[in-house]
Structures are given as C-alpha cells and as structure tokens.
Amino acid sequence: RRPLSRAVPGCLVRISGFSLPQSQLTIRQFAEHVVAVQYCDFPAAEEAVAYLRLGSPGDSRALLEDARCTQRMLGWLRPELKVLEPEEEDRYWQSVMELRAARAAAAGLDDVS
C-alpha cells in the first residue's frame, strides 16, 4: 500500500516550532482551515515537529501561502512550515518504513508492505 502523497513529490510539509502540548488533531485542524490533510504524522508528542501529507504540491503551496499571509498561530506560537525537498522526503519515507518494520518485528510479523 503506497500513499498517494508518496507517489507525488512536494506533498509532505514539515511543521515545527509550535507550542506544546499539541495533538495530531490540533495540528491537522491548523492545516485543514486551508487544505485537506491525508495524514498527520506527529511521532513524538514531546517535540514540536510534525509532518503533514497533503494531496498535491498545490495544496502544499496553498498551506504555506496561507500561513505566511494570515500569521495564524498553533498554540501561542507561529509555526514554521516547509515543503520537504526530494532528499528530505526520501529520509522521511525511509524512517516510516523502518518504524513499520520495527513494529512488525515486535508483533512477530514478517511482511510489512
């Protein structure tokens, strides 16, 4: 199973520098004022970094433009948003696959695809 955003470069947005505590829901809602979010990856709730998987590079541009124009806050801070470069996307997806493999190994499963 391959997410659509993985097949199309420019659909992953890193959001960081927001105030804690936050949740996947509040981060997702921040973006969904502008665009539909396919998935919000907030791996460590104690770190102010999350990844948003959007439907298209145009959605990524729209979200960044809205954040620039409106200066909306997430919590009491203005988050920094950045569309991942191709190399950064590759590292992100590699970490996702490694996490899936580790979870499958812990569960005693062999196939993680």
PDB file of N, CA and C in Angstrom:
ATOM      1  N   ARG A   1       0.850  -1.179   0.000  1.00  0.00           N
ATOM      2  CA  ARG A   1       0.000   0.000   0.000  1.00  0.00           C
ATOM      3  C   ARG A   1       0.891   1.235   0.000  1.00  0.00           C
ATOM      4  N   ARG A   2       0.768   2.047  -1.024  1.00  0.00           N
ATOM      5  CA  ARG A   2       1.594   3.242  -1.158  1.00  0.00           C
ATOM      6  C   ARG A   2       0.707   4.476  -1.153  1.00  0.00           C
ATOM      7  N   PRO A   3       0.878   5.375  -0.166  1.00  0.00           N
ATOM      8  CA  PRO A   3       0.049   6.579  -0.121  1.00  0.00           C
ATOM      9  C   PRO A   3       0.243   7.426  -1.366  1.00  0.00           C
ATOM     10  N   LEU A   4      -0.827   8.073  -1.817  1.00  0.00           N
ATOM     11  CA  LEU A   4      -0.763   8.936  -2.982  1.00  0.00           C
ATOM     12  C   LEU A   4       0.314   9.992  -2.823  1.00  0.00           C
ATOM     13  N   SER A   5       0.430  10.601  -1.639  1.00  0.00           N
ATOM     14  CA  SER A   5       1.400  11.669  -1.448  1.00  0.00           C
ATOM     15  C   SER A   5       2.830  11.170  -1.597  1.00  0.00           C
ATOM     16  N   ARG A   6       3.074   9.889  -1.380  1.00  0.00           N
ATOM     17  CA  ARG A   6       4.424   9.352  -1.564  1.00  0.00           C
ATOM     18  C   ARG A   6       4.755   9.248  -3.043  1.00  0.00           C
ATOM     19  N   ALA A   7       3.750   9.018  -3.859  1.00  0.00           N
ATOM     20  CA  ALA A   7       3.973   8.884  -5.290  1.00  0.00           C
ATOM     21  C   ALA A   7       4.219  10.234  -5.948  1.00  0.00           C
ATOM     22  N   VAL A   8       3.778  11.311  -5.328  1.00  0.00           N
ATOM     23  CA  VAL A   8       3.896  12.649  -5.908  1.00  0.00           C
ATOM     24  C   VAL A   8       4.798  13.500  -5.019  1.00  0.00           C
ATOM     25  N   PRO A   9       5.960  13.935  -5.525  1.00  0.00           N
ATOM     26  CA  PRO A   9       6.832  14.790  -4.718  1.00  0.00           C
ATOM     27  C   PRO A   9       6.168  16.130  -4.411  1.00  0.00           C
ATOM     28  N   GLY A  10       6.565  16.727  -3.302  1.00  0.00           N
ATOM     29  CA  GLY A  10       6.060  18.041  -2.944  1.00  0.00           C
ATOM     30  C   GLY A  10       4.804  18.037  -2.108  1.00  0.00           C
ATOM     31  N   CYS A  11       4.412  16.873  -1.606  1.00  0.00           N
ATOM     32  CA  CYS A  11       3.168  16.765  -0.822  1.00  0.00           C
ATOM     33  C   CYS A  11       3.411  16.614   0.679  1.00  0.00           C
ATOM     34  N   LEU A  12       4.670  16.601   1.087  1.00  0.00           N
ATOM     35  CA  LEU A  12       4.984  16.475   2.508  1.00  0.00           C
ATOM     36  C   LEU A  12       5.420  17.826   3.056  1.00  0.00           C
ATOM     37  N   VAL A  13       4.746  18.272   4.116  1.00  0.00           N
ATOM     38  CA  VAL A  13       5.058  19.549   4.741  1.00  0.00           C
ATOM     39  C   VAL A  13       5.488  19.287   6.180  1.00  0.00           C
ATOM     40  N   ARG A  14       6.646  19.820   6.532  1.00  0.00           N
ATOM     41  CA  ARG A  14       7.130  19.748   7.915  1.00  0.00           C
ATOM     42  C   ARG A  14       6.619  20.990   8.629  1.00  0.00           C
ATOM     43  N   ILE A  15       5.995  20.782   9.768  1.00  0.00           N
ATOM     44  CA  ILE A  15       5.511  21.887  10.589  1.00  0.00           C
ATOM     45  C   ILE A  15       6.226  21.787  11.934  1.00  0.00           C
ATOM     46  N   SER A  16       6.831  22.888  12.340  1.00  0.00           N
ATOM     47  CA  SER A  16       7.625  22.862  13.571  1.00  0.00           C
ATOM     48  C   SER A  16       7.527  24.215  14.276  1.00  0.00           C
ATOM     49  N   GLY A  17       8.041  24.239  15.497  1.00  0.00           N
ATOM     50  CA  GLY A  17       8.085  25.477  16.251  1.00  0.00           C
ATOM     51  C   GLY A  17       6.770  25.899  16.871  1.00  0.00           C
ATOM     52  N   PHE A  18       5.834  24.985  17.003  1.00  0.00           N
ATOM     53  CA  PHE A  18       4.560  25.308  17.642  1.00  0.00           C
ATOM     54  C   PHE A  18       4.662  25.047  19.135  1.00  0.00           C
ATOM     55  N   SER A  19       3.741  25.628  19.882  1.00  0.00           N
ATOM     56  CA  SER A  19       3.758  25.436  21.324  1.00  0.00           C
ATOM     57  C   SER A  19       3.214  24.055  21.682  1.00  0.00           C
ATOM     58  N   LEU A  20       3.732  23.526  22.763  1.00  0.00           N
ATOM     59  CA  LEU A  20       3.274  22.241  23.280  1.00  0.00           C
ATOM     60  C   LEU A  20       2.451  22.496  24.540  1.00  0.00           C
ATOM     61  N   PRO A  21       1.533  21.640  24.874  1.00  0.00           N
ATOM     62  CA  PRO A  21       1.191  20.396  24.188  1.00  0.00           C
ATOM     63  C   PRO A  21       0.265  20.636  22.990  1.00  0.00           C
ATOM     64  N   GLN A  22       0.407  19.786  22.005  1.00  0.00           N
ATOM     65  CA  GLN A  22      -0.490  19.729  20.850  1.00  0.00           C
ATOM     66  C   GLN A  22      -0.824  18.263  20.615  1.00  0.00           C
ATOM     67  N   SER A  23      -1.757  18.024  19.717  1.00  0.00           N
ATOM     68  CA  SER A  23      -2.127  16.662  19.359  1.00  0.00           C
ATOM     69  C   SER A  23      -2.202  16.568  17.838  1.00  0.00           C
ATOM     70  N   GLN A  24      -2.314  15.347  17.339  1.00  0.00           N
ATOM     71  CA  GLN A  24      -2.495  15.178  15.898  1.00  0.00           C
ATOM     72  C   GLN A  24      -3.714  15.968  15.429  1.00  0.00           C
ATOM     73  N   LEU A  25      -4.760  15.969  16.227  1.00  0.00           N
ATOM     74  CA  LEU A  25      -5.991  16.655  15.850  1.00  0.00           C
ATOM     75  C   LEU A  25      -5.786  18.166  15.724  1.00  0.00           C
ATOM     76  N   THR A  26      -5.141  18.800  16.706  1.00  0.00           N
ATOM     77  CA  THR A  26      -4.968  20.250  16.632  1.00  0.00           C
ATOM     78  C   THR A  26      -4.044  20.651  15.490  1.00  0.00           C
ATOM     79  N   ILE A  27      -3.028  19.847  15.228  1.00  0.00           N
ATOM     80  CA  ILE A  27      -2.119  20.133  14.113  1.00  0.00           C
ATOM     81  C   ILE A  27      -2.860  19.974  12.796  1.00  0.00           C
ATOM     82  N   ARG A  28      -3.614  18.902  12.690  1.00  0.00           N
ATOM     83  CA  ARG A  28      -4.398  18.658  11.471  1.00  0.00           C
ATOM     84  C   ARG A  28      -5.410  19.787  11.239  1.00  0.00           C
ATOM     85  N   GLN A  29      -6.081  20.216  12.295  1.00  0.00           N
ATOM     86  CA  GLN A  29      -7.070  21.288  12.173  1.00  0.00           C
ATOM     87  C   GLN A  29      -6.422  22.598  11.732  1.00  0.00           C
ATOM     88  N   PHE A  30      -5.201  22.863  12.184  1.00  0.00           N
ATOM     89  CA  PHE A  30      -4.476  24.057  11.756  1.00  0.00           C
ATOM     90  C   PHE A  30      -4.371  24.089  10.232  1.00  0.00           C
ATOM     91  N   ALA A  31      -4.029  22.971   9.628  1.00  0.00           N
ATOM     92  CA  ALA A  31      -3.867  22.900   8.169  1.00  0.00           C
ATOM     93  C   ALA A  31      -5.209  22.819   7.459  1.00  0.00           C
ATOM     94  N   GLU A  32      -6.181  22.155   8.047  1.00  0.00           N
ATOM     95  CA  GLU A  32      -7.452  21.939   7.364  1.00  0.00           C
ATOM     96  C   GLU A  32      -8.326  23.185   7.299  1.00  0.00           C
ATOM     97  N   HIS A  33      -7.855  24.289   7.852  1.00  0.00           N
ATOM     98  CA  HIS A  33      -8.512  25.574   7.588  1.00  0.00           C
ATOM     99  C   HIS A  33      -8.324  25.943   6.121  1.00  0.00           C
ATOM    100  N   VAL A  34      -7.319  25.336   5.479  1.00  0.00           N
ATOM    101  CA  VAL A  34      -6.933  25.701   4.117  1.00  0.00           C
ATOM    102  C   VAL A  34      -7.057  24.533   3.143  1.00  0.00           C
ATOM    103  N   VAL A  35      -6.524  23.372   3.507  1.00  0.00           N
ATOM    104  CA  VAL A  35      -6.453  22.224   2.597  1.00  0.00           C
ATOM    105  C   VAL A  35      -6.840  20.942   3.335  1.00  0.00           C
ATOM    106  N   ALA A  36      -7.187  19.927   2.568  1.00  0.00           N
ATOM    107  CA  ALA A  36      -7.456  18.609   3.156  1.00  0.00           C
ATOM    108  C   ALA A  36      -6.130  17.940   3.501  1.00  0.00           C
ATOM    109  N   VAL A  37      -6.080  17.312   4.657  1.00  0.00           N
ATOM    110  CA  VAL A  37      -4.881  16.610   5.108  1.00  0.00           C
ATOM    111  C   VAL A  37      -5.136  15.116   4.981  1.00  0.00           C
ATOM    112  N   GLN A  38      -4.266  14.429   4.248  1.00  0.00           N
ATOM    113  CA  GLN A  38      -4.397  12.974   4.132  1.00  0.00           C
ATOM    114  C   GLN A  38      -3.977  12.287   5.421  1.00  0.00           C
ATOM    115  N   TYR A  39      -2.891  12.792   6.032  1.00  0.00           N
ATOM    116  CA  TYR A  39      -2.393  12.169   7.254  1.00  0.00           C
ATOM    117  C   TYR A  39      -1.534  13.166   8.012  1.00  0.00           C
ATOM    118  N   CYS A  40      -1.631  13.159   9.317  1.00  0.00           N
ATOM    119  CA  CYS A  40      -0.777  13.963  10.184  1.00  0.00           C
ATOM    120  C   CYS A  40       0.105  13.017  10.978  1.00  0.00           C
ATOM    121  N   ASP A  41       1.395  13.104  10.755  1.00  0.00           N
ATOM    122  CA  ASP A  41       2.375  12.262  11.437  1.00  0.00           C
ATOM    123  C   ASP A  41       3.028  13.100  12.534  1.00  0.00           C
ATOM    124  N   PHE A  42       2.677  12.812  13.769  1.00  0.00           N
ATOM    125  CA  PHE A  42       3.195  13.540  14.936  1.00  0.00           C
ATOM    126  C   PHE A  42       3.867  12.497  15.822  1.00  0.00           C
ATOM    127  N   PRO A  43       5.098  12.080  15.444  1.00  0.00           N
ATOM    128  CA  PRO A  43       5.714  10.913  16.061  1.00  0.00           C
ATOM    129  C   PRO A  43       6.073  11.042  17.536  1.00  0.00           C
ATOM    130  N   ALA A  44       6.444  12.238  17.992  1.00  0.00           N
ATOM    131  CA  ALA A  44       6.856  12.400  19.383  1.00  0.00           C
ATOM    132  C   ALA A  44       6.140  13.609  19.968  1.00  0.00           C
ATOM    133  N   ALA A  45       5.145  13.361  20.784  1.00  0.00           N
ATOM    134  CA  ALA A  45       4.319  14.439  21.325  1.00  0.00           C
ATOM    135  C   ALA A  45       5.112  15.413  22.192  1.00  0.00           C
ATOM    136  N   GLU A  46       6.337  15.033  22.588  1.00  0.00           N
ATOM    137  CA  GLU A  46       7.146  15.948  23.389  1.00  0.00           C
ATOM    138  C   GLU A  46       8.029  16.840  22.522  1.00  0.00           C
ATOM    139  N   GLU A  47       7.991  16.668  21.193  1.00  0.00           N
ATOM    140  CA  GLU A  47       8.744  17.509  20.272  1.00  0.00           C
ATOM    141  C   GLU A  47       7.775  18.296  19.391  1.00  0.00           C
ATOM    142  N   ALA A  48       8.121  19.533  19.108  1.00  0.00           N
ATOM    143  CA  ALA A  48       7.252  20.399  18.314  1.00  0.00           C
ATOM    144  C   ALA A  48       7.552  20.251  16.826  1.00  0.00           C
ATOM    145  N   VAL A  49       7.428  19.014  16.317  1.00  0.00           N
ATOM    146  CA  VAL A  49       7.646  18.719  14.899  1.00  0.00           C
ATOM    147  C   VAL A  49       6.610  17.694  14.452  1.00  0.00           C
ATOM    148  N   ALA A  50       5.957  17.987  13.339  1.00  0.00           N
ATOM    149  CA  ALA A  50       5.002  17.045  12.751  1.00  0.00           C
ATOM    150  C   ALA A  50       5.136  17.125  11.238  1.00  0.00           C
ATOM    151  N   TYR A  51       4.599  16.116  10.562  1.00  0.00           N
ATOM    152  CA  TYR A  51       4.620  16.061   9.105  1.00  0.00           C
ATOM    153  C   TYR A  51       3.200  15.902   8.608  1.00  0.00           C
ATOM    154  N   LEU A  52       2.835  16.720   7.635  1.00  0.00           N
ATOM    155  CA  LEU A  52       1.511  16.665   7.035  1.00  0.00           C
ATOM    156  C   LEU A  52       1.623  16.106   5.638  1.00  0.00           C
ATOM    157  N   ARG A  53       0.848  15.079   5.347  1.00  0.00           N
ATOM    158  CA  ARG A  53       0.786  14.516   4.000  1.00  0.00           C
ATOM    159  C   ARG A  53      -0.440  15.125   3.326  1.00  0.00           C
ATOM    160  N   LEU A  54      -0.171  15.882   2.269  1.00  0.00           N
ATOM    161  CA  LEU A  54      -1.237  16.573   1.549  1.00  0.00           C
ATOM    162  C   LEU A  54      -1.465  15.909   0.197  1.00  0.00           C
ATOM    163  N   GLY A  55      -2.543  16.287  -0.476  1.00  0.00           N
ATOM    164  CA  GLY A  55      -2.940  15.628  -1.708  1.00  0.00           C
ATOM    165  C   GLY A  55      -2.173  16.032  -2.948  1.00  0.00           C
ATOM    166  N   SER A  56      -1.580  17.233  -2.937  1.00  0.00           N
ATOM    167  CA  SER A  56      -0.887  17.693  -4.139  1.00  0.00           C
ATOM    168  C   SER A  56       0.128  18.767  -3.770  1.00  0.00           C
ATOM    169  N   PRO A  57       1.100  18.991  -4.654  1.00  0.00           N
ATOM    170  CA  PRO A  57       2.032  20.103  -4.414  1.00  0.00           C
ATOM    171  C   PRO A  57       1.316  21.448  -4.341  1.00  0.00           C
ATOM    172  N   GLY A  58       0.223  21.603  -5.073  1.00  0.00           N
ATOM    173  CA  GLY A  58      -0.567  22.831  -4.996  1.00  0.00           C
ATOM    174  C   GLY A  58      -1.146  23.048  -3.611  1.00  0.00           C
ATOM    175  N   ASP A  59      -1.575  21.964  -2.958  1.00  0.00           N
ATOM    176  CA  ASP A  59      -2.073  22.061  -1.583  1.00  0.00           C
ATOM    177  C   ASP A  59      -0.959  22.530  -0.647  1.00  0.00           C
ATOM    178  N   SER A  60       0.250  22.009  -0.862  1.00  0.00           N
ATOM    179  CA  SER A  60       1.393  22.420  -0.041  1.00  0.00           C
ATOM    180  C   SER A  60       1.658  23.908  -0.197  1.00  0.00           C
ATOM    181  N   ARG A  61       1.667  24.378  -1.430  1.00  0.00           N
ATOM    182  CA  ARG A  61       1.891  25.806  -1.685  1.00  0.00           C
ATOM    183  C   ARG A  61       0.786  26.659  -1.053  1.00  0.00           C
ATOM    184  N   ALA A  62      -0.461  26.205  -1.168  1.00  0.00           N
ATOM    185  CA  ALA A  62      -1.584  26.959  -0.602  1.00  0.00           C
ATOM    186  C   ALA A  62      -1.463  27.064   0.916  1.00  0.00           C
ATOM    187  N   LEU A  63      -1.070  25.977   1.572  1.00  0.00           N
ATOM    188  CA  LEU A  63      -0.919  25.995   3.026  1.00  0.00           C
ATOM    189  C   LEU A  63       0.192  26.955   3.441  1.00  0.00           C
ATOM    190  N   LEU A  64       1.337  26.903   2.770  1.00  0.00           N
ATOM    191  CA  LEU A  64       2.435  27.805   3.105  1.00  0.00           C
ATOM    192  C   LEU A  64       2.061  29.257   2.860  1.00  0.00           C
ATOM    193  N   GLU A  65       1.366  29.521   1.770  1.00  0.00           N
ATOM    194  CA  GLU A  65       0.945  30.888   1.462  1.00  0.00           C
ATOM    195  C   GLU A  65      -0.047  31.397   2.511  1.00  0.00           C
ATOM    196  N   ASP A  66      -0.994  30.551   2.901  1.00  0.00           N
ATOM    197  CA  ASP A  66      -1.956  30.952   3.931  1.00  0.00           C
ATOM    198  C   ASP A  66      -1.247  31.259   5.254  1.00  0.00           C
ATOM    199  N   ALA A  67      -0.305  30.408   5.645  1.00  0.00           N
ATOM    200  CA  ALA A  67       0.415  30.628   6.897  1.00  0.00           C
ATOM    201  C   ALA A  67       1.201  31.943   6.837  1.00  0.00           C
ATOM    202  N   ARG A  68       1.784  32.234   5.682  1.00  0.00           N
ATOM    203  CA  ARG A  68       2.543  33.472   5.515  1.00  0.00           C
ATOM    204  C   ARG A  68       1.621  34.690   5.597  1.00  0.00           C
ATOM    205  N   CYS A  69       0.492  34.622   4.933  1.00  0.00           N
ATOM    206  CA  CYS A  69      -0.429  35.767   4.873  1.00  0.00           C
ATOM    207  C   CYS A  69      -1.189  35.993   6.177  1.00  0.00           C
ATOM    208  N   THR A  70      -1.668  34.932   6.785  1.00  0.00           N
ATOM    209  CA  THR A  70      -2.523  35.077   7.967  1.00  0.00           C
ATOM    210  C   THR A  70      -1.748  35.142   9.276  1.00  0.00           C
ATOM    211  N   GLN A  71      -0.524  34.573   9.280  1.00  0.00           N
ATOM    212  CA  GLN A  71       0.282  34.521  10.509  1.00  0.00           C
ATOM    213  C   GLN A  71      -0.462  33.808  11.649  1.00  0.00           C
ATOM    214  N   ARG A  72      -1.308  32.830  11.265  1.00  0.00           N
ATOM    215  CA  ARG A  72      -2.050  32.073  12.279  1.00  0.00           C
ATOM    216  C   ARG A  72      -1.093  31.360  13.221  1.00  0.00           C
ATOM    217  N   MET A  73      -1.555  31.200  14.443  1.00  0.00           N
ATOM    218  CA  MET A  73      -0.747  30.537  15.461  1.00  0.00           C
ATOM    219  C   MET A  73      -1.260  29.124  15.706  1.00  0.00           C
ATOM    220  N   LEU A  74      -0.364  28.295  16.163  1.00  0.00           N
ATOM    221  CA  LEU A  74      -0.705  26.952  16.631  1.00  0.00           C
ATOM    222  C   LEU A  74      -0.292  26.938  18.088  1.00  0.00           C
ATOM    223  N   GLY A  75      -1.285  27.024  18.964  1.00  0.00           N
ATOM    224  CA  GLY A  75      -0.994  27.307  20.362  1.00  0.00           C
ATOM    225  C   GLY A  75      -0.732  28.798  20.464  1.00  0.00           C
ATOM    226  N   TRP A  76       0.340  29.178  21.112  1.00  0.00           N
ATOM    227  CA  TRP A  76       0.658  30.601  21.230  1.00  0.00           C
ATOM    228  C   TRP A  76       1.872  30.998  20.383  1.00  0.00           C
ATOM    229  N   LEU A  77       2.298  30.118  19.460  1.00  0.00           N
ATOM    230  CA  LEU A  77       3.431  30.408  18.585  1.00  0.00           C
ATOM    231  C   LEU A  77       3.039  30.251  17.115  1.00  0.00           C
ATOM    232  N   ARG A  78       3.716  30.978  16.247  1.00  0.00           N
ATOM    233  CA  ARG A  78       3.529  30.804  14.802  1.00  0.00           C
ATOM    234  C   ARG A  78       4.451  29.698  14.340  1.00  0.00           C
ATOM    235  N   PRO A  79       3.899  28.629  13.826  1.00  0.00           N
ATOM    236  CA  PRO A  79       4.751  27.517  13.402  1.00  0.00           C
ATOM    237  C   PRO A  79       5.487  27.841  12.108  1.00  0.00           C
ATOM    238  N   GLU A  80       6.577  27.120  11.906  1.00  0.00           N
ATOM    239  CA  GLU A  80       7.328  27.193  10.658  1.00  0.00           C
ATOM    240  C   GLU A  80       6.872  26.025   9.785  1.00  0.00           C
ATOM    241  N   LEU A  81       6.554  26.321   8.533  1.00  0.00           N
ATOM    242  CA  LEU A  81       6.130  25.287   7.592  1.00  0.00           C
ATOM    243  C   LEU A  81       7.124  25.226   6.446  1.00  0.00           C
ATOM    244  N   LYS A  82       7.442  24.014   6.018  1.00  0.00           N
ATOM    245  CA  LYS A  82       8.407  23.824   4.945  1.00  0.00           C
ATOM    246  C   LYS A  82       8.024  22.596   4.141  1.00  0.00           C
ATOM    247  N   VAL A  83       7.964  22.752   2.819  1.00  0.00           N
ATOM    248  CA  VAL A  83       7.759  21.598   1.948  1.00  0.00           C
ATOM    249  C   VAL A  83       9.086  20.854   1.885  1.00  0.00           C
ATOM    250  N   LEU A  84       9.049  19.548   2.115  1.00  0.00           N
ATOM    251  CA  LEU A  84      10.286  18.769   2.108  1.00  0.00           C
ATOM    252  C   LEU A  84      10.872  18.690   0.705  1.00  0.00           C
ATOM    253  N   GLU A  85      12.190  18.799   0.635  1.00  0.00           N
ATOM    254  CA  GLU A  85      12.936  18.599  -0.607  1.00  0.00           C
ATOM    255  C   GLU A  85      12.966  17.096  -0.904  1.00  0.00           C
ATOM    256  N   PRO A  86      13.265  16.714  -2.153  1.00  0.00           N
ATOM    257  CA  PRO A  86      13.267  15.276  -2.500  1.00  0.00           C
ATOM    258  C   PRO A  86      14.127  14.409  -1.576  1.00  0.00           C
ATOM    259  N   GLU A  87      15.318  14.893  -1.207  1.00  0.00           N
ATOM    260  CA  GLU A  87      16.187  14.104  -0.313  1.00  0.00           C
ATOM    261  C   GLU A  87      15.563  13.972   1.077  1.00  0.00           C
ATOM    262  N   GLU A  88      14.930  15.043   1.530  1.00  0.00           N
ATOM    263  CA  GLU A  88      14.268  15.004   2.834  1.00  0.00           C
ATOM    264  C   GLU A  88      13.073  14.063   2.800  1.00  0.00           C
ATOM    265  N   GLU A  89      12.341  14.067   1.686  1.00  0.00           N
ATOM    266  CA  GLU A  89      11.216  13.127   1.538  1.00  0.00           C
ATOM    267  C   GLU A  89      11.718  11.697   1.600  1.00  0.00           C
ATOM    268  N   ASP A  90      12.825  11.421   0.900  1.00  0.00           N
ATOM    269  CA  ASP A  90      13.395  10.068   0.924  1.00  0.00           C
ATOM    270  C   ASP A  90      13.745   9.649   2.342  1.00  0.00           C
ATOM    271  N   ARG A  91      14.377  10.526   3.110  1.00  0.00           N
ATOM    272  CA  ARG A  91      14.729  10.196   4.503  1.00  0.00           C
ATOM    273  C   ARG A  91      13.477   9.986   5.350  1.00  0.00           C
ATOM    274  N   TYR A  92      12.456  10.828   5.126  1.00  0.00           N
ATOM    275  CA  TYR A  92      11.201  10.675   5.863  1.00  0.00           C
ATOM    276  C   TYR A  92      10.594   9.297   5.594  1.00  0.00           C
ATOM    277  N   TRP A  93      10.456   8.947   4.310  1.00  0.00           N
ATOM    278  CA  TRP A  93       9.835   7.666   3.972  1.00  0.00           C
ATOM    279  C   TRP A  93      10.672   6.492   4.457  1.00  0.00           C
ATOM    280  N   GLN A  94      12.003   6.635   4.454  1.00  0.00           N
ATOM    281  CA  GLN A  94      12.864   5.583   4.985  1.00  0.00           C
ATOM    282  C   GLN A  94      12.593   5.384   6.464  1.00  0.00           C
ATOM    283  N   SER A  95      12.440   6.481   7.209  1.00  0.00           N
ATOM    284  CA  SER A  95      12.159   6.358   8.640  1.00  0.00           C
ATOM    285  C   SER A  95      10.786   5.731   8.878  1.00  0.00           C
ATOM    286  N   VAL A  96       9.812   6.046   8.025  1.00  0.00           N
ATOM    287  CA  VAL A  96       8.482   5.435   8.142  1.00  0.00           C
ATOM    288  C   VAL A  96       8.582   3.923   7.934  1.00  0.00           C
ATOM    289  N   MET A  97       9.321   3.502   6.909  1.00  0.00           N
ATOM    290  CA  MET A  97       9.466   2.070   6.634  1.00  0.00           C
ATOM    291  C   MET A  97      10.208   1.364   7.774  1.00  0.00           C
ATOM    292  N   GLU A  98      11.227   2.009   8.323  1.00  0.00           N
ATOM    293  CA  GLU A  98      11.956   1.412   9.444  1.00  0.00           C
ATOM    294  C   GLU A  98      11.056   1.254  10.659  1.00  0.00           C
ATOM    295  N   LEU A  99      10.226   2.252  10.917  1.00  0.00           N
ATOM    296  CA  LEU A  99       9.291   2.169  12.043  1.00  0.00           C
ATOM    297  C   LEU A  99       8.280   1.049  11.827  1.00  0.00           C
ATOM    298  N   ARG A 100       7.766   0.929  10.605  1.00  0.00           N
ATOM    299  CA  ARG A 100       6.825  -0.160  10.300  1.00  0.00           C
ATOM    300  C   ARG A 100       7.478  -1.523  10.492  1.00  0.00           C
ATOM    301  N   ALA A 101       8.724  -1.646  10.024  1.00  0.00           N
ATOM    302  CA  ALA A 101       9.437  -2.913  10.163  1.00  0.00           C
ATOM    303  C   ALA A 101       9.656  -3.249  11.637  1.00  0.00           C
ATOM    304  N   ALA A 102      10.024  -2.250  12.433  1.00  0.00           N
ATOM    305  CA  ALA A 102      10.242  -2.481  13.866  1.00  0.00           C
ATOM    306  C   ALA A 102       8.950  -2.896  14.558  1.00  0.00           C
ATOM    307  N   ARG A 103       7.852  -2.237  14.190  1.00  0.00           N
ATOM    308  CA  ARG A 103       6.557  -2.606  14.785  1.00  0.00           C
ATOM    309  C   ARG A 103       6.149  -4.013  14.381  1.00  0.00           C
ATOM    310  N   ALA A 104       6.381  -4.361  13.114  1.00  0.00           N
ATOM    311  CA  ALA A 104       6.040  -5.705  12.646  1.00  0.00           C
ATOM    312  C   ALA A 104       6.893  -6.756  13.346  1.00  0.00           C
ATOM    313  N   ALA A 105       8.184  -6.468  13.520  1.00  0.00           N
ATOM    314  CA  ALA A 105       9.068  -7.406  14.204  1.00  0.00           C
ATOM    315  C   ALA A 105       8.621  -7.584  15.642  1.00  0.00           C
ATOM    316  N   ALA A 106       8.228  -6.494  16.298  1.00  0.00           N
ATOM    317  CA  ALA A 106       7.779  -6.589  17.686  1.00  0.00           C
ATOM    318  C   ALA A 106       6.493  -7.382  17.799  1.00  0.00           C
ATOM    319  N   ALA A 107       5.669  -7.335  16.748  1.00  0.00           N
ATOM    320  CA  ALA A 107       4.406  -8.067  16.742  1.00  0.00           C
ATOM    321  C   ALA A 107       4.568  -9.492  16.224  1.00  0.00           C
ATOM    322  N   GLY A 108       5.791  -9.824  15.769  1.00  0.00           N
ATOM    323  CA  GLY A 108       6.042 -11.153  15.248  1.00  0.00           C
ATOM    324  C   GLY A 108       5.579 -11.374  13.827  1.00  0.00           C
ATOM    325  N   LEU A 109       5.456 -10.292  13.063  1.00  0.00           N
ATOM    326  CA  LEU A 109       5.047 -10.395  11.658  1.00  0.00           C
ATOM    327  C   LEU A 109       6.259 -10.270  10.757  1.00  0.00           C
ATOM    328  N   ASP A 110       6.208 -10.915   9.605  1.00  0.00           N
ATOM    329  CA  ASP A 110       7.331 -10.844   8.681  1.00  0.00           C
ATOM    330  C   ASP A 110       7.108  -9.819   7.583  1.00  0.00           C
ATOM    331  N   ASP A 111       5.908  -9.702   7.062  1.00  0.00           N
ATOM    332  CA  ASP A 111       5.616  -8.831   5.913  1.00  0.00           C
ATOM    333  C   ASP A 111       5.080  -7.502   6.396  1.00  0.00           C
ATOM    334  N   VAL A 112       5.776  -6.395   6.047  1.00  0.00           N
ATOM    335  CA  VAL A 112       5.345  -5.066   6.469  1.00  0.00           C
ATOM    336  C   VAL A 112       4.860  -4.226   5.306  1.00  0.00           C
ATOM    337  N   SER A 113       4.655  -4.792   4.134  1.00  0.00           N
ATOM    338  CA  SER A 113       4.245  -3.981   2.981  1.00  0.00           C
ATOM    339  C   SER A 113       2.787  -3.705   2.955  1.00  0.00           C
TER     340      SER A 113
END
